[in-house]
Amino acid sequence: LQFAAETLPFGGVGPSGLGAYHGPEGFDTFSHKKAVVKQAKLNAAGLL
């Protein structure tokens, strides 16, 4: 039944696997979280 619970992560540990999918974990596993910063025209970066 753990496989049928789509909100739970599914995957192994050690010799039985690496990583997990299903539910939110599936989206995270097959996505790359790209960090993006857009600097404003007026900013205080020069103080550093």
ModelCIF file with pLDDT and N, C-alpha, C, O atoms, coordinates in Angstrom:
data_MODEL
#
_entry.id   MODEL 
#
_entity.id                         1 
_entity.type                       polymer 
_entity.pdbx_number_of_molecules   1 
#
_entity_poly.entity_id                      1 
_entity_poly.type                           'polypeptide(L)' 
_entity_poly.nstd_linkage                   no 
_entity_poly.nstd_monomer                   no 
_entity_poly.pdbx_seq_one_letter_code       LQFAAETLPFGGVGPSGLGAYHGPEGFDTFSHKKAVVKQAKLNAAGLL 
_entity_poly.pdbx_seq_one_letter_code_can   LQFAAETLPFGGVGPSGLGAYHGPEGFDTFSHKKAVVKQAKLNAAGLL 
_entity_poly.pdbx_strand_id                 A 
#
loop_
_entity_poly_seq.entity_id 
_entity_poly_seq.num 
_entity_poly_seq.mon_id 
_entity_poly_seq.hetero 
1 1  LEU n 
1 2  GLN n 
1 3  PHE n 
1 4  ALA n 
1 5  ALA n 
1 6  GLU n 
1 7  THR n 
1 8  LEU n 
1 9  PRO n 
1 10 PHE n 
1 11 GLY n 
1 12 GLY n 
1 13 VAL n 
1 14 GLY n 
1 15 PRO n 
1 16 SER n 
1 17 GLY n 
1 18 LEU n 
1 19 GLY n 
1 20 ALA n 
1 21 TYR n 
1 22 HIS n 
1 23 GLY n 
1 24 PRO n 
1 25 GLU n 
1 26 GLY n 
1 27 PHE n 
1 28 ASP n 
1 29 THR n 
1 30 PHE n 
1 31 SER n 
1 32 HIS n 
1 33 LYS n 
1 34 LYS n 
1 35 ALA n 
1 36 VAL n 
1 37 VAL n 
1 38 LYS n 
1 39 GLN n 
1 40 ALA n 
1 41 LYS n 
1 42 LEU n 
1 43 ASN n 
1 44 ALA n 
1 45 ALA n 
1 46 GLY n 
1 47 LEU n 
1 48 LEU n 
#
_struct_asym.id          A 
_struct_asym.entity_id   1 
#
loop_
_ma_qa_metric.id 
_ma_qa_metric.mode 
_ma_qa_metric.name 
_ma_qa_metric.software_group_id 
_ma_qa_metric.type 
1 global pLDDT . pLDDT 
2 local  pLDDT . pLDDT 
#
_ma_qa_metric_global.metric_id      1 
_ma_qa_metric_global.metric_value   91.27 
_ma_qa_metric_global.model_id       1 
_ma_qa_metric_global.ordinal_id     1 
#
loop_
_ma_qa_metric_local.label_asym_id 
_ma_qa_metric_local.label_comp_id 
_ma_qa_metric_local.label_seq_id 
_ma_qa_metric_local.metric_id 
_ma_qa_metric_local.metric_value 
_ma_qa_metric_local.model_id 
_ma_qa_metric_local.ordinal_id 
A LEU 1  2 96.00 1 1  
A GLN 2  2 96.00 1 2  
A PHE 3  2 94.00 1 3  
A ALA 4  2 91.00 1 4  
A ALA 5  2 91.00 1 5  
A GLU 6  2 87.00 1 6  
A THR 7  2 90.00 1 7  
A LEU 8  2 94.00 1 8  
A PRO 9  2 94.00 1 9  
A PHE 10 2 95.00 1 10 
A GLY 11 2 95.00 1 11 
A GLY 12 2 96.00 1 12 
A VAL 13 2 96.00 1 13 
A GLY 14 2 94.00 1 14 
A PRO 15 2 94.00 1 15 
A SER 16 2 96.00 1 16 
A GLY 17 2 95.00 1 17 
A LEU 18 2 95.00 1 18 
A GLY 19 2 94.00 1 19 
A ALA 20 2 94.00 1 20 
A TYR 21 2 93.00 1 21 
A HIS 22 2 92.00 1 22 
A GLY 23 2 87.00 1 23 
A PRO 24 2 91.00 1 24 
A GLU 25 2 92.00 1 25 
A GLY 26 2 91.00 1 26 
A PHE 27 2 91.00 1 27 
A ASP 28 2 92.00 1 28 
A THR 29 2 93.00 1 29 
A PHE 30 2 91.00 1 30 
A SER 31 2 91.00 1 31 
A HIS 32 2 91.00 1 32 
A LYS 33 2 91.00 1 33 
A LYS 34 2 94.00 1 34 
A ALA 35 2 96.00 1 35 
A VAL 36 2 97.00 1 36 
A VAL 37 2 94.00 1 37 
A LYS 38 2 95.00 1 38 
A GLN 39 2 93.00 1 39 
A ALA 40 2 94.00 1 40 
A LYS 41 2 91.00 1 41 
A LEU 42 2 89.00 1 42 
A ASN 43 2 86.00 1 43 
A ALA 44 2 79.00 1 44 
A ALA 45 2 81.00 1 45 
A GLY 46 2 79.00 1 46 
A LEU 47 2 74.00 1 47 
A LEU 48 2 76.00 1 48 
#
loop_
_atom_site.group_PDB 
_atom_site.id 
_atom_site.type_symbol 
_atom_site.label_atom_id 
_atom_site.label_alt_id 
_atom_site.label_comp_id 
_atom_site.label_asym_id 
_atom_site.label_entity_id 
_atom_site.label_seq_id 
_atom_site.pdbx_PDB_ins_code 
_atom_site.Cartn_x 
_atom_site.Cartn_y 
_atom_site.Cartn_z 
_atom_site.occupancy 
_atom_site.B_iso_or_equiv 
_atom_site.pdbx_formal_charge 
_atom_site.auth_seq_id 
_atom_site.auth_comp_id 
_atom_site.auth_asym_id 
_atom_site.auth_atom_id 
_atom_site.pdbx_PDB_model_num 
ATOM 1   N N  . LEU A 1 1  ? 0.808  -1.222 0.000   1.00 96.00 ? 1  LEU A N  1 
ATOM 2   C CA . LEU A 1 1  ? 0.000  0.000  0.000   1.00 96.00 ? 1  LEU A CA 1 
ATOM 3   C C  . LEU A 1 1  ? 0.840  1.270  0.000   1.00 96.00 ? 1  LEU A C  1 
ATOM 4   O O  . LEU A 1 1  ? 0.334  2.333  -0.360  1.00 96.00 ? 1  LEU A O  1 
ATOM 5   N N  . GLN A 1 2  ? 2.104  1.191  0.392   1.00 96.00 ? 2  GLN A N  1 
ATOM 6   C CA . GLN A 1 2  ? 2.945  2.387  0.369   1.00 96.00 ? 2  GLN A CA 1 
ATOM 7   C C  . GLN A 1 2  ? 3.113  2.907  -1.048  1.00 96.00 ? 2  GLN A C  1 
ATOM 8   O O  . GLN A 1 2  ? 3.285  4.107  -1.260  1.00 96.00 ? 2  GLN A O  1 
ATOM 9   N N  . PHE A 1 3  ? 3.064  2.001  -2.018  1.00 94.00 ? 3  PHE A N  1 
ATOM 10  C CA . PHE A 1 3  ? 3.210  2.411  -3.423  1.00 94.00 ? 3  PHE A CA 1 
ATOM 11  C C  . PHE A 1 3  ? 1.960  3.134  -3.907  1.00 94.00 ? 3  PHE A C  1 
ATOM 12  O O  . PHE A 1 3  ? 2.046  4.037  -4.740  1.00 94.00 ? 3  PHE A O  1 
ATOM 13  N N  . ALA A 1 4  ? 0.803  2.744  -3.391  1.00 91.00 ? 4  ALA A N  1 
ATOM 14  C CA . ALA A 1 4  ? -0.455 3.317  -3.852  1.00 91.00 ? 4  ALA A CA 1 
ATOM 15  C C  . ALA A 1 4  ? -0.738 4.692  -3.251  1.00 91.00 ? 4  ALA A C  1 
ATOM 16  O O  . ALA A 1 4  ? -1.566 5.436  -3.777  1.00 91.00 ? 4  ALA A O  1 
ATOM 17  N N  . ALA A 1 5  ? -0.063 5.035  -2.162  1.00 91.00 ? 5  ALA A N  1 
ATOM 18  C CA . ALA A 1 5  ? -0.271 6.341  -1.527  1.00 91.00 ? 5  ALA A CA 1 
ATOM 19  C C  . ALA A 1 5  ? 0.527  7.388  -2.295  1.00 91.00 ? 5  ALA A C  1 
ATOM 20  O O  . ALA A 1 5  ? 1.716  7.579  -2.042  1.00 91.00 ? 5  ALA A O  1 
ATOM 21  N N  . GLU A 1 6  ? -0.130 8.064  -3.232  1.00 87.00 ? 6  GLU A N  1 
ATOM 22  C CA . GLU A 1 6  ? 0.599  8.922  -4.176  1.00 87.00 ? 6  GLU A CA 1 
ATOM 23  C C  . GLU A 1 6  ? 1.206  10.156 -3.530  1.00 87.00 ? 6  GLU A C  1 
ATOM 24  O O  . GLU A 1 6  ? 2.055  10.806 -4.139  1.00 87.00 ? 6  GLU A O  1 
ATOM 25  N N  . THR A 1 7  ? 0.793  10.499 -2.308  1.00 90.00 ? 7  THR A N  1 
ATOM 26  C CA . THR A 1 7  ? 1.388  11.657 -1.644  1.00 90.00 ? 7  THR A CA 1 
ATOM 27  C C  . THR A 1 7  ? 2.656  11.293 -0.880  1.00 90.00 ? 7  THR A C  1 
ATOM 28  O O  . THR A 1 7  ? 3.348  12.176 -0.373  1.00 90.00 ? 7  THR A O  1 
ATOM 29  N N  . LEU A 1 8  ? 2.969  9.992  -0.792  1.00 94.00 ? 8  LEU A N  1 
ATOM 30  C CA . LEU A 1 8  ? 4.172  9.569  -0.085  1.00 94.00 ? 8  LEU A CA 1 
ATOM 31  C C  . LEU A 1 8  ? 5.330  9.392  -1.054  1.00 94.00 ? 8  LEU A C  1 
ATOM 32  O O  . LEU A 1 8  ? 5.119  8.982  -2.196  1.00 94.00 ? 8  LEU A O  1 
ATOM 33  N N  . PRO A 1 9  ? 6.549  9.693  -0.622  1.00 94.00 ? 9  PRO A N  1 
ATOM 34  C CA . PRO A 1 9  ? 7.708  9.435  -1.492  1.00 94.00 ? 9  PRO A CA 1 
ATOM 35  C C  . PRO A 1 9  ? 7.912  7.944  -1.658  1.00 94.00 ? 9  PRO A C  1 
ATOM 36  O O  . PRO A 1 9  ? 7.671  7.172  -0.730  1.00 94.00 ? 9  PRO A O  1 
ATOM 37  N N  . PHE A 1 10 ? 8.358  7.536  -2.838  1.00 95.00 ? 10 PHE A N  1 
ATOM 38  C CA . PHE A 1 10 ? 8.631  6.126  -3.101  1.00 95.00 ? 10 PHE A CA 1 
ATOM 39  C C  . PHE A 1 10 ? 10.057 5.990  -3.601  1.00 95.00 ? 10 PHE A C  1 
ATOM 40  O O  . PHE A 1 10 ? 10.453 6.639  -4.569  1.00 95.00 ? 10 PHE A O  1 
ATOM 41  N N  . GLY A 1 11 ? 10.820 5.147  -2.935  1.00 95.00 ? 11 GLY A N  1 
ATOM 42  C CA . GLY A 1 11 ? 12.196 4.923  -3.354  1.00 95.00 ? 11 GLY A CA 1 
ATOM 43  C C  . GLY A 1 11 ? 12.909 4.034  -2.366  1.00 95.00 ? 11 GLY A C  1 
ATOM 44  O O  . GLY A 1 11 ? 12.379 3.715  -1.302  1.00 95.00 ? 11 GLY A O  1 
ATOM 45  N N  . GLY A 1 12 ? 14.122 3.633  -2.727  1.00 96.00 ? 12 GLY A N  1 
ATOM 46  C CA . GLY A 1 12 ? 14.892 2.747  -1.885  1.00 96.00 ? 12 GLY A CA 1 
ATOM 47  C C  . GLY A 1 12 ? 15.897 3.486  -1.033  1.00 96.00 ? 12 GLY A C  1 
ATOM 48  O O  . GLY A 1 12 ? 15.935 4.716  -0.997  1.00 96.00 ? 12 GLY A O  1 
ATOM 49  N N  . VAL A 1 13 ? 16.707 2.703  -0.348  1.00 96.00 ? 13 VAL A N  1 
ATOM 50  C CA . VAL A 1 13 ? 17.757 3.266  0.493   1.00 96.00 ? 13 VAL A CA 1 
ATOM 51  C C  . VAL A 1 13 ? 18.956 2.331  0.412   1.00 96.00 ? 13 VAL A C  1 
ATOM 52  O O  . VAL A 1 13 ? 18.810 1.119  0.577   1.00 96.00 ? 13 VAL A O  1 
ATOM 53  N N  . GLY A 1 14 ? 20.136 2.881  0.161   1.00 94.00 ? 14 GLY A N  1 
ATOM 54  C CA . GLY A 1 14 ? 21.318 2.050  0.046   1.00 94.00 ? 14 GLY A CA 1 
ATOM 55  C C  . GLY A 1 14 ? 21.211 1.092  -1.129  1.00 94.00 ? 14 GLY A C  1 
ATOM 56  O O  . GLY A 1 14 ? 20.954 1.532  -2.250  1.00 94.00 ? 14 GLY A O  1 
ATOM 57  N N  . PRO A 1 15 ? 21.400 -0.212 -0.906  1.00 94.00 ? 15 PRO A N  1 
ATOM 58  C CA . PRO A 1 15 ? 21.366 -1.181 -2.003  1.00 94.00 ? 15 PRO A CA 1 
ATOM 59  C C  . PRO A 1 15 ? 20.021 -1.289 -2.703  1.00 94.00 ? 15 PRO A C  1 
ATOM 60  O O  . PRO A 1 15 ? 19.954 -1.807 -3.817  1.00 94.00 ? 15 PRO A O  1 
ATOM 61  N N  . SER A 1 16 ? 18.950 -0.814 -2.078  1.00 96.00 ? 16 SER A N  1 
ATOM 62  C CA . SER A 1 16 ? 17.633 -0.899 -2.721  1.00 96.00 ? 16 SER A CA 1 
ATOM 63  C C  . SER A 1 16 ? 17.282 0.350  -3.516  1.00 96.00 ? 16 SER A C  1 
ATOM 64  O O  . SER A 1 16 ? 16.195 0.427  -4.090  1.00 96.00 ? 16 SER A O  1 
ATOM 65  N N  . GLY A 1 17 ? 18.175 1.323  -3.561  1.00 95.00 ? 17 GLY A N  1 
ATOM 66  C CA . GLY A 1 17 ? 17.892 2.464  -4.427  1.00 95.00 ? 17 GLY A CA 1 
ATOM 67  C C  . GLY A 1 17 ? 18.493 3.765  -3.950  1.00 95.00 ? 17 GLY A C  1 
ATOM 68  O O  . GLY A 1 17 ? 19.124 3.849  -2.896  1.00 95.00 ? 17 GLY A O  1 
ATOM 69  N N  . LEU A 1 18 ? 18.274 4.771  -4.764  1.00 95.00 ? 18 LEU A N  1 
ATOM 70  C CA . LEU A 1 18 ? 18.829 6.104  -4.524  1.00 95.00 ? 18 LEU A CA 1 
ATOM 71  C C  . LEU A 1 18 ? 17.824 7.126  -5.030  1.00 95.00 ? 18 LEU A C  1 
ATOM 72  O O  . LEU A 1 18 ? 17.473 7.117  -6.209  1.00 95.00 ? 18 LEU A O  1 
ATOM 73  N N  . GLY A 1 19 ? 17.361 8.001  -4.156  1.00 94.00 ? 19 GLY A N  1 
ATOM 74  C CA . GLY A 1 19 ? 16.381 9.008  -4.550  1.00 94.00 ? 19 GLY A CA 1 
ATOM 75  C C  . GLY A 1 19 ? 14.964 8.489  -4.412  1.00 94.00 ? 19 GLY A C  1 
ATOM 76  O O  . GLY A 1 19 ? 14.746 7.312  -4.124  1.00 94.00 ? 19 GLY A O  1 
ATOM 77  N N  . ALA A 1 20 ? 14.002 9.377  -4.621  1.00 94.00 ? 20 ALA A N  1 
ATOM 78  C CA . ALA A 1 20 ? 12.593 9.021  -4.471  1.00 94.00 ? 20 ALA A CA 1 
ATOM 79  C C  . ALA A 1 20 ? 11.756 9.825  -5.445  1.00 94.00 ? 20 ALA A C  1 
ATOM 80  O O  . ALA A 1 20 ? 12.162 10.886 -5.919  1.00 94.00 ? 20 ALA A O  1 
ATOM 81  N N  . TYR A 1 21 ? 10.578 9.296  -5.730  1.00 93.00 ? 21 TYR A N  1 
ATOM 82  C CA . TYR A 1 21 ? 9.616  10.010 -6.567  1.00 93.00 ? 21 TYR A CA 1 
ATOM 83  C C  . TYR A 1 21 ? 8.216  9.714  -6.053  1.00 93.00 ? 21 TYR A C  1 
ATOM 84  O O  . TYR A 1 21 ? 8.060  9.153  -4.969  1.00 93.00 ? 21 TYR A O  1 
ATOM 85  N N  . HIS A 1 22 ? 7.208  10.082 -6.811  1.00 92.00 ? 22 HIS A N  1 
ATOM 86  C CA . HIS A 1 22 ? 5.786  10.125 -6.410  1.00 92.00 ? 22 HIS A CA 1 
ATOM 87  C C  . HIS A 1 22 ? 5.542  11.430 -5.638  1.00 92.00 ? 22 HIS A C  1 
ATOM 88  O O  . HIS A 1 22 ? 6.404  11.896 -4.891  1.00 92.00 ? 22 HIS A O  1 
ATOM 89  N N  . GLY A 1 23 ? 4.363  12.000 -5.833  1.00 87.00 ? 23 GLY A N  1 
ATOM 90  C CA . GLY A 1 23 ? 3.971  13.184 -5.091  1.00 87.00 ? 23 GLY A CA 1 
ATOM 91  C C  . GLY A 1 23 ? 4.937  14.343 -5.277  1.00 87.00 ? 23 GLY A C  1 
ATOM 92  O O  . GLY A 1 23 ? 5.591  14.454 -6.314  1.00 87.00 ? 23 GLY A O  1 
ATOM 93  N N  . PRO A 1 24 ? 5.025  15.202 -4.275  1.00 91.00 ? 24 PRO A N  1 
ATOM 94  C CA . PRO A 1 24 ? 5.924  16.369 -4.372  1.00 91.00 ? 24 PRO A CA 1 
ATOM 95  C C  . PRO A 1 24 ? 7.375  15.962 -4.599  1.00 91.00 ? 24 PRO A C  1 
ATOM 96  O O  . PRO A 1 24 ? 8.111  16.657 -5.300  1.00 91.00 ? 24 PRO A O  1 
ATOM 97  N N  . GLU A 1 25 ? 7.792  14.839 -4.009  1.00 92.00 ? 25 GLU A N  1 
ATOM 98  C CA . GLU A 1 25 ? 9.172  14.394 -4.192  1.00 92.00 ? 25 GLU A CA 1 
ATOM 99  C C  . GLU A 1 25 ? 9.473  14.084 -5.652  1.00 92.00 ? 25 GLU A C  1 
ATOM 100 O O  . GLU A 1 25 ? 10.593 14.294 -6.116  1.00 92.00 ? 25 GLU A O  1 
ATOM 101 N N  . GLY A 1 26 ? 8.463  13.579 -6.385  1.00 91.00 ? 26 GLY A N  1 
ATOM 102 C CA . GLY A 1 26 ? 8.664  13.298 -7.799  1.00 91.00 ? 26 GLY A CA 1 
ATOM 103 C C  . GLY A 1 26 ? 8.953  14.560 -8.586  1.00 91.00 ? 26 GLY A C  1 
ATOM 104 O O  . GLY A 1 26 ? 9.824  14.572 -9.456  1.00 91.00 ? 26 GLY A O  1 
ATOM 105 N N  . PHE A 1 27 ? 8.220  15.630 -8.279  1.00 91.00 ? 27 PHE A N  1 
ATOM 106 C CA . PHE A 1 27 ? 8.473  16.903 -8.964  1.00 91.00 ? 27 PHE A CA 1 
ATOM 107 C C  . PHE A 1 27 ? 9.876  17.404 -8.640  1.00 91.00 ? 27 PHE A C  1 
ATOM 108 O O  . PHE A 1 27 ? 10.598 17.855 -9.530  1.00 91.00 ? 27 PHE A O  1 
ATOM 109 N N  . ASP A 1 28 ? 10.262 17.326 -7.371  1.00 92.00 ? 28 ASP A N  1 
ATOM 110 C CA . ASP A 1 28 ? 11.589 17.799 -6.973  1.00 92.00 ? 28 ASP A CA 1 
ATOM 111 C C  . ASP A 1 28 ? 12.698 16.950 -7.601  1.00 92.00 ? 28 ASP A C  1 
ATOM 112 O O  . ASP A 1 28 ? 13.728 17.475 -8.027  1.00 92.00 ? 28 ASP A O  1 
ATOM 113 N N  . THR A 1 29 ? 12.475 15.631 -7.653  1.00 93.00 ? 29 THR A N  1 
ATOM 114 C CA . THR A 1 29 ? 13.491 14.731 -8.181  1.00 93.00 ? 29 THR A CA 1 
ATOM 115 C C  . THR A 1 29 ? 13.803 15.020 -9.637  1.00 93.00 ? 29 THR A C  1 
ATOM 116 O O  . THR A 1 29 ? 14.962 14.970 -10.048 1.00 93.00 ? 29 THR A O  1 
ATOM 117 N N  . PHE A 1 30 ? 12.772 15.324 -10.422 1.00 91.00 ? 30 PHE A N  1 
ATOM 118 C CA . PHE A 1 30 ? 12.963 15.507 -11.860 1.00 91.00 ? 30 PHE A CA 1 
ATOM 119 C C  . PHE A 1 30 ? 12.964 16.978 -12.270 1.00 91.00 ? 30 PHE A C  1 
ATOM 120 O O  . PHE A 1 30 ? 12.711 17.307 -13.429 1.00 91.00 ? 30 PHE A O  1 
ATOM 121 N N  . SER A 1 31 ? 13.248 17.854 -11.316 1.00 91.00 ? 31 SER A N  1 
ATOM 122 C CA . SER A 1 31 ? 13.346 19.285 -11.594 1.00 91.00 ? 31 SER A CA 1 
ATOM 123 C C  . SER A 1 31 ? 14.673 19.813 -11.076 1.00 91.00 ? 31 SER A C  1 
ATOM 124 O O  . SER A 1 31 ? 15.307 19.202 -10.216 1.00 91.00 ? 31 SER A O  1 
ATOM 125 N N  . HIS A 1 32 ? 15.077 20.938 -11.603 1.00 91.00 ? 32 HIS A N  1 
ATOM 126 C CA . HIS A 1 32 ? 16.238 21.641 -11.072 1.00 91.00 ? 32 HIS A CA 1 
ATOM 127 C C  . HIS A 1 32 ? 15.774 22.988 -10.553 1.00 91.00 ? 32 HIS A C  1 
ATOM 128 O O  . HIS A 1 32 ? 15.189 23.773 -11.300 1.00 91.00 ? 32 HIS A O  1 
ATOM 129 N N  . LYS A 1 33 ? 16.028 23.264 -9.289  1.00 91.00 ? 33 LYS A N  1 
ATOM 130 C CA . LYS A 1 33 ? 15.641 24.534 -8.694  1.00 91.00 ? 33 LYS A CA 1 
ATOM 131 C C  . LYS A 1 33 ? 16.729 25.570 -8.996  1.00 91.00 ? 33 LYS A C  1 
ATOM 132 O O  . LYS A 1 33 ? 17.813 25.564 -8.414  1.00 91.00 ? 33 LYS A O  1 
ATOM 133 N N  . LYS A 1 34 ? 16.395 26.439 -9.912  1.00 94.00 ? 34 LYS A N  1 
ATOM 134 C CA . LYS A 1 34 ? 17.356 27.446 -10.341 1.00 94.00 ? 34 LYS A CA 1 
ATOM 135 C C  . LYS A 1 34 ? 17.196 28.708 -9.496  1.00 94.00 ? 34 LYS A C  1 
ATOM 136 O O  . LYS A 1 34 ? 16.110 29.284 -9.431  1.00 94.00 ? 34 LYS A O  1 
ATOM 137 N N  . ALA A 1 35 ? 18.268 29.130 -8.857  1.00 96.00 ? 35 ALA A N  1 
ATOM 138 C CA . ALA A 1 35 ? 18.245 30.360 -8.061  1.00 96.00 ? 35 ALA A CA 1 
ATOM 139 C C  . ALA A 1 35 ? 18.468 31.559 -8.983  1.00 96.00 ? 35 ALA A C  1 
ATOM 140 O O  . ALA A 1 35 ? 19.462 31.602 -9.707  1.00 96.00 ? 35 ALA A O  1 
ATOM 141 N N  . VAL A 1 36 ? 17.557 32.526 -8.964  1.00 97.00 ? 36 VAL A N  1 
ATOM 142 C CA . VAL A 1 36 ? 17.629 33.703 -9.836  1.00 97.00 ? 36 VAL A CA 1 
ATOM 143 C C  . VAL A 1 36 ? 17.456 34.963 -8.980  1.00 97.00 ? 36 VAL A C  1 
ATOM 144 O O  . VAL A 1 36 ? 16.531 35.053 -8.172  1.00 97.00 ? 36 VAL A O  1 
ATOM 145 N N  . VAL A 1 37 ? 18.356 35.930 -9.168  1.00 94.00 ? 37 VAL A N  1 
ATOM 146 C CA . VAL A 1 37 ? 18.255 37.234 -8.504  1.00 94.00 ? 37 VAL A CA 1 
ATOM 147 C C  . VAL A 1 37 ? 18.233 38.303 -9.580  1.00 94.00 ? 37 VAL A C  1 
ATOM 148 O O  . VAL A 1 37 ? 19.084 38.304 -10.470 1.00 94.00 ? 37 VAL A O  1 
ATOM 149 N N  . LYS A 1 38 ? 17.269 39.216 -9.513  1.00 95.00 ? 38 LYS A N  1 
ATOM 150 C CA . LYS A 1 38 ? 17.202 40.345 -10.436 1.00 95.00 ? 38 LYS A CA 1 
ATOM 151 C C  . LYS A 1 38 ? 17.434 41.625 -9.634  1.00 95.00 ? 38 LYS A C  1 
ATOM 152 O O  . LYS A 1 38 ? 16.634 42.009 -8.781  1.00 95.00 ? 38 LYS A O  1 
ATOM 153 N N  . GLN A 1 39 ? 18.546 42.258 -9.939  1.00 93.00 ? 39 GLN A N  1 
ATOM 154 C CA . GLN A 1 39 ? 18.943 43.439 -9.191  1.00 93.00 ? 39 GLN A CA 1 
ATOM 155 C C  . GLN A 1 39 ? 18.121 44.657 -9.632  1.00 93.00 ? 39 GLN A C  1 
ATOM 156 O O  . GLN A 1 39 ? 17.854 44.838 -10.820 1.00 93.00 ? 39 GLN A O  1 
ATOM 157 N N  . ALA A 1 40 ? 17.725 45.486 -8.659  1.00 94.00 ? 40 ALA A N  1 
ATOM 158 C CA . ALA A 1 40 ? 16.966 46.715 -8.943  1.00 94.00 ? 40 ALA A CA 1 
ATOM 159 C C  . ALA A 1 40 ? 17.917 47.831 -9.395  1.00 94.00 ? 40 ALA A C  1 
ATOM 160 O O  . ALA A 1 40 ? 19.120 47.787 -9.138  1.00 94.00 ? 40 ALA A O  1 
ATOM 161 N N  . LYS A 1 41 ? 17.336 48.844 -10.085 1.00 91.00 ? 41 LYS A N  1 
ATOM 162 C CA . LYS A 1 41 ? 18.158 49.978 -10.512 1.00 91.00 ? 41 LYS A CA 1 
ATOM 163 C C  . LYS A 1 41 ? 18.776 50.684 -9.324  1.00 91.00 ? 41 LYS A C  1 
ATOM 164 O O  . LYS A 1 41 ? 19.963 51.012 -9.324  1.00 91.00 ? 41 LYS A O  1 
ATOM 165 N N  . LEU A 1 42 ? 17.951 50.915 -8.305  1.00 89.00 ? 42 LEU A N  1 
ATOM 166 C CA . LEU A 1 42 ? 18.440 51.553 -7.083  1.00 89.00 ? 42 LEU A CA 1 
ATOM 167 C C  . LEU A 1 42 ? 18.704 50.468 -6.061  1.00 89.00 ? 42 LEU A C  1 
ATOM 168 O O  . LEU A 1 42 ? 17.774 49.778 -5.643  1.00 89.00 ? 42 LEU A O  1 
ATOM 169 N N  . ASN A 1 43 ? 19.954 50.300 -5.647  1.00 86.00 ? 43 ASN A N  1 
ATOM 170 C CA . ASN A 1 43 ? 20.294 49.251 -4.686  1.00 86.00 ? 43 ASN A CA 1 
ATOM 171 C C  . ASN A 1 43 ? 21.497 49.690 -3.870  1.00 86.00 ? 43 ASN A C  1 
ATOM 172 O O  . ASN A 1 43 ? 22.153 50.685 -4.179  1.00 86.00 ? 43 ASN A O  1 
ATOM 173 N N  . ALA A 1 44 ? 21.769 48.930 -2.829  1.00 79.00 ? 44 ALA A N  1 
ATOM 174 C CA . ALA A 1 44 ? 22.857 49.273 -1.906  1.00 79.00 ? 44 ALA A CA 1 
ATOM 175 C C  . ALA A 1 44 ? 24.057 48.358 -2.075  1.00 79.00 ? 44 ALA A C  1 
ATOM 176 O O  . ALA A 1 44 ? 24.894 48.273 -1.176  1.00 79.00 ? 44 ALA A O  1 
ATOM 177 N N  . ALA A 1 45 ? 24.159 47.671 -3.208  1.00 81.00 ? 45 ALA A N  1 
ATOM 178 C CA . ALA A 1 45 ? 25.260 46.724 -3.400  1.00 81.00 ? 45 ALA A CA 1 
ATOM 179 C C  . ALA A 1 45 ? 26.616 47.412 -3.328  1.00 81.00 ? 45 ALA A C  1 
ATOM 180 O O  . ALA A 1 45 ? 27.603 46.806 -2.910  1.00 81.00 ? 45 ALA A O  1 
ATOM 181 N N  . GLY A 1 46 ? 26.663 48.684 -3.738  1.00 79.00 ? 46 GLY A N  1 
ATOM 182 C CA . GLY A 1 46 ? 27.937 49.393 -3.715  1.00 79.00 ? 46 GLY A CA 1 
ATOM 183 C C  . GLY A 1 46 ? 28.505 49.556 -2.322  1.00 79.00 ? 46 GLY A C  1 
ATOM 184 O O  . GLY A 1 46 ? 29.712 49.741 -2.167  1.00 79.00 ? 46 GLY A O  1 
ATOM 185 N N  . LEU A 1 47 ? 27.651 49.490 -1.292  1.00 74.00 ? 47 LEU A N  1 
ATOM 186 C CA . LEU A 1 47 ? 28.141 49.632 0.080   1.00 74.00 ? 47 LEU A CA 1 
ATOM 187 C C  . LEU A 1 47 ? 29.007 48.449 0.504   1.00 74.00 ? 47 LEU A C  1 
ATOM 188 O O  . LEU A 1 47 ? 29.749 48.530 1.483   1.00 74.00 ? 47 LEU A O  1 
ATOM 189 N N  . LEU A 1 48 ? 28.906 47.349 -0.244  1.00 76.00 ? 48 LEU A N  1 
ATOM 190 C CA . LEU A 1 48 ? 29.658 46.152 0.121   1.00 76.00 ? 48 LEU A CA 1 
ATOM 191 C C  . LEU A 1 48 ? 31.009 46.087 -0.571  1.00 76.00 ? 48 LEU A C  1 
ATOM 192 O O  . LEU A 1 48 ? 31.762 45.135 -0.365  1.00 76.00 ? 48 LEU A O  1 
#
